[in-house]
Amino acid sequence: PRLFDAIAIESLARIGEFNTQDLACTAWAFAKAGIRAPSLFDAIAAAACAQIDEFNSLEITNTAWAFATAGVRAPGLFDAIAEAGRMRLSEFNEHNLALTA
């Protein structure tokens, strides 16, 4: 947990430098490890909403999965994911579809 605490602090300081893959992977890693980091998830949600048009299908899938798995309420992000997903549905493979549903 101390490593994740340090990563969360550093990530918050640099969130403006994160690209879409960085955002999706960070959210995924914290959710997969079961680490609660509300401030980090809030920052990721805000940054992801601002860049949602640049997310690819895997990044959309991983971000949706991470926030749902972590139990983070982010209605604005889920609305943005829903819209972006709908626009790119033809790019989703079966795995993407299943994890985003």
C-alpha atoms as a PDB file:
ATOM      1  CA  PRO A   1       0.000   0.000   0.000  1.00  0.00           C
ATOM      2  CA  ARG A   2       2.817   2.477   0.653  1.00  0.00           C
ATOM      3  CA  LEU A   3       4.006   2.097  -2.925  1.00  0.00           C
ATOM      4  CA  PHE A   4       0.496   2.779  -4.206  1.00  0.00           C
ATOM      5  CA  ASP A   5       0.241   5.793  -1.885  1.00  0.00           C
ATOM      6  CA  ALA A   6       3.445   7.187  -3.361  1.00  0.00           C
ATOM      7  CA  ILE A   7       2.281   6.463  -6.911  1.00  0.00           C
ATOM      8  CA  ALA A   8      -1.046   8.172  -6.219  1.00  0.00           C
ATOM      9  CA  ILE A   9       0.666  11.308  -4.899  1.00  0.00           C
ATOM     10  CA  GLU A  10       3.067  11.472  -7.837  1.00  0.00           C
ATOM     11  CA  SER A  11       0.291  10.736 -10.349  1.00  0.00           C
ATOM     12  CA  LEU A  12      -1.866  13.514  -8.934  1.00  0.00           C
ATOM     13  CA  ALA A  13       1.026  15.941  -9.360  1.00  0.00           C
ATOM     14  CA  ARG A  14       1.502  14.890 -12.994  1.00  0.00           C
ATOM     15  CA  ILE A  15      -2.052  14.066 -14.102  1.00  0.00           C
ATOM     16  CA  GLY A  16      -1.959  16.882 -16.662  1.00  0.00           C
ATOM     17  CA  GLU A  17       0.885  15.084 -18.428  1.00  0.00           C
ATOM     18  CA  PHE A  18      -0.947  11.732 -18.659  1.00  0.00           C
ATOM     19  CA  ASN A  19      -2.068  10.517 -22.048  1.00  0.00           C
ATOM     20  CA  THR A  20      -5.067   8.248 -22.530  1.00  0.00           C
ATOM     21  CA  GLN A  21      -3.082   5.054 -22.001  1.00  0.00           C
ATOM     22  CA  ASP A  22      -1.558   6.444 -18.801  1.00  0.00           C
ATOM     23  CA  LEU A  23      -5.005   7.312 -17.456  1.00  0.00           C
ATOM     24  CA  ALA A  24      -6.546   3.957 -18.318  1.00  0.00           C
ATOM     25  CA  CYS A  25      -3.608   1.919 -17.011  1.00  0.00           C
ATOM     26  CA  THR A  26      -3.373   3.837 -13.747  1.00  0.00           C
ATOM     27  CA  ALA A  27      -7.076   3.416 -13.054  1.00  0.00           C
ATOM     28  CA  TRP A  28      -6.855  -0.269 -13.996  1.00  0.00           C
ATOM     29  CA  ALA A  29      -3.841  -0.909 -11.733  1.00  0.00           C
ATOM     30  CA  PHE A  30      -5.429   0.693  -8.674  1.00  0.00           C
ATOM     31  CA  ALA A  31      -8.737  -1.093  -9.248  1.00  0.00           C
ATOM     32  CA  LYS A  32      -7.057  -4.462  -9.880  1.00  0.00           C
ATOM     33  CA  ALA A  33      -5.043  -4.106  -6.661  1.00  0.00           C
ATOM     34  CA  GLY A  34      -8.134  -3.040  -4.720  1.00  0.00           C
ATOM     35  CA  ILE A  35      -6.498   0.222  -3.650  1.00  0.00           C
ATOM     36  CA  ARG A  36      -8.852   3.025  -2.715  1.00  0.00           C
ATOM     37  CA  ALA A  37      -7.567   6.371  -3.956  1.00  0.00           C
ATOM     38  CA  PRO A  38     -10.584   8.696  -4.266  1.00  0.00           C
ATOM     39  CA  SER A  39      -8.607  11.837  -5.140  1.00  0.00           C
ATOM     40  CA  LEU A  40      -6.679  10.006  -7.824  1.00  0.00           C
ATOM     41  CA  PHE A  41      -9.808   8.490  -9.343  1.00  0.00           C
ATOM     42  CA  ASP A  42     -11.456  11.938  -9.340  1.00  0.00           C
ATOM     43  CA  ALA A  43      -8.458  13.399 -11.165  1.00  0.00           C
ATOM     44  CA  ILE A  44      -8.381  10.524 -13.640  1.00  0.00           C
ATOM     45  CA  ALA A  45     -12.096  10.966 -14.315  1.00  0.00           C
ATOM     46  CA  ALA A  46     -11.701  14.680 -15.025  1.00  0.00           C
ATOM     47  CA  ALA A  47      -8.673  14.142 -17.270  1.00  0.00           C
ATOM     48  CA  ALA A  48     -10.333  11.225 -19.064  1.00  0.00           C
ATOM     49  CA  CYS A  49     -13.449  13.279 -19.798  1.00  0.00           C
ATOM     50  CA  ALA A  50     -11.266  15.980 -21.329  1.00  0.00           C
ATOM     51  CA  GLN A  51      -9.478  13.435 -23.556  1.00  0.00           C
ATOM     52  CA  ILE A  52     -12.273  10.935 -24.182  1.00  0.00           C
ATOM     53  CA  ASP A  53     -12.269  11.530 -27.952  1.00  0.00           C
ATOM     54  CA  GLU A  54      -8.669  10.288 -28.044  1.00  0.00           C
ATOM     55  CA  PHE A  55      -9.305   7.011 -26.174  1.00  0.00           C
ATOM     56  CA  ASN A  56      -9.151   3.810 -28.192  1.00  0.00           C
ATOM     57  CA  SER A  57     -11.506   0.902 -27.579  1.00  0.00           C
ATOM     58  CA  LEU A  58      -9.171  -0.856 -25.120  1.00  0.00           C
ATOM     59  CA  GLU A  59      -8.655   2.319 -23.099  1.00  0.00           C
ATOM     60  CA  ILE A  60     -12.411   2.914 -22.971  1.00  0.00           C
ATOM     61  CA  THR A  61     -12.931  -0.673 -21.833  1.00  0.00           C
ATOM     62  CA  ASN A  62     -10.198  -0.607 -19.199  1.00  0.00           C
ATOM     63  CA  THR A  63     -11.319   2.729 -17.791  1.00  0.00           C
ATOM     64  CA  ALA A  64     -14.948   1.641 -17.548  1.00  0.00           C
ATOM     65  CA  TRP A  65     -13.915  -1.641 -15.926  1.00  0.00           C
ATOM     66  CA  ALA A  66     -11.582   0.084 -13.459  1.00  0.00           C
ATOM     67  CA  PHE A  67     -14.116   2.622 -12.236  1.00  0.00           C
ATOM     68  CA  ALA A  68     -16.879   0.022 -11.980  1.00  0.00           C
ATOM     69  CA  THR A  69     -14.615  -2.463 -10.196  1.00  0.00           C
ATOM     70  CA  ALA A  70     -13.348   0.182  -7.781  1.00  0.00           C
ATOM     71  CA  GLY A  71     -16.926   1.275  -7.086  1.00  0.00           C
ATOM     72  CA  VAL A  72     -16.126   4.876  -7.957  1.00  0.00           C
ATOM     73  CA  ARG A  73     -19.139   7.000  -8.729  1.00  0.00           C
ATOM     74  CA  ALA A  74     -18.235   9.127 -11.741  1.00  0.00           C
ATOM     75  CA  PRO A  75     -21.452   9.814 -13.662  1.00  0.00           C
ATOM     76  CA  GLY A  76     -19.829  12.376 -15.965  1.00  0.00           C
ATOM     77  CA  LEU A  77     -17.123   9.912 -16.919  1.00  0.00           C
ATOM     78  CA  PHE A  78     -19.582   7.080 -17.487  1.00  0.00           C
ATOM     79  CA  ASP A  79     -21.674   9.378 -19.711  1.00  0.00           C
ATOM     80  CA  ALA A  80     -18.551  10.273 -21.711  1.00  0.00           C
ATOM     81  CA  ILE A  81     -17.554   6.598 -21.931  1.00  0.00           C
ATOM     82  CA  ALA A  82     -21.036   5.664 -23.112  1.00  0.00           C
ATOM     83  CA  GLU A  83     -20.954   8.264 -25.859  1.00  0.00           C
ATOM     84  CA  ALA A  84     -17.400   7.448 -26.944  1.00  0.00           C
ATOM     85  CA  GLY A  85     -18.149   3.733 -26.859  1.00  0.00           C
ATOM     86  CA  ARG A  86     -21.255   4.163 -28.966  1.00  0.00           C
ATOM     87  CA  MET A  87     -19.282   6.131 -31.557  1.00  0.00           C
ATOM     88  CA  ARG A  88     -16.539   3.468 -31.717  1.00  0.00           C
ATOM     89  CA  LEU A  89     -18.585   0.303 -31.237  1.00  0.00           C
ATOM     90  CA  SER A  90     -17.393  -1.148 -34.542  1.00  0.00           C
ATOM     91  CA  GLU A  91     -13.802  -1.032 -33.195  1.00  0.00           C
ATOM     92  CA  PHE A  92     -14.648  -3.144 -30.124  1.00  0.00           C
ATOM     93  CA  ASN A  93     -13.754  -6.820 -30.119  1.00  0.00           C
ATOM     94  CA  GLU A  94     -15.787  -9.354 -28.129  1.00  0.00           C
ATOM     95  CA  HIS A  95     -13.621  -8.862 -25.033  1.00  0.00           C
ATOM     96  CA  ASN A  96     -14.084  -5.079 -25.155  1.00  0.00           C
ATOM     97  CA  LEU A  97     -17.831  -5.499 -25.522  1.00  0.00           C
ATOM     98  CA  ALA A  98     -18.091  -7.889 -22.593  1.00  0.00           C
ATOM     99  CA  LEU A  99     -16.006  -5.783 -20.205  1.00  0.00           C
ATOM    100  CA  THR A 100     -17.683  -2.509 -21.105  1.00  0.00           C
ATOM    101  CA  ALA A 101     -21.249  -3.802 -20.778  1.00  0.00           C
END
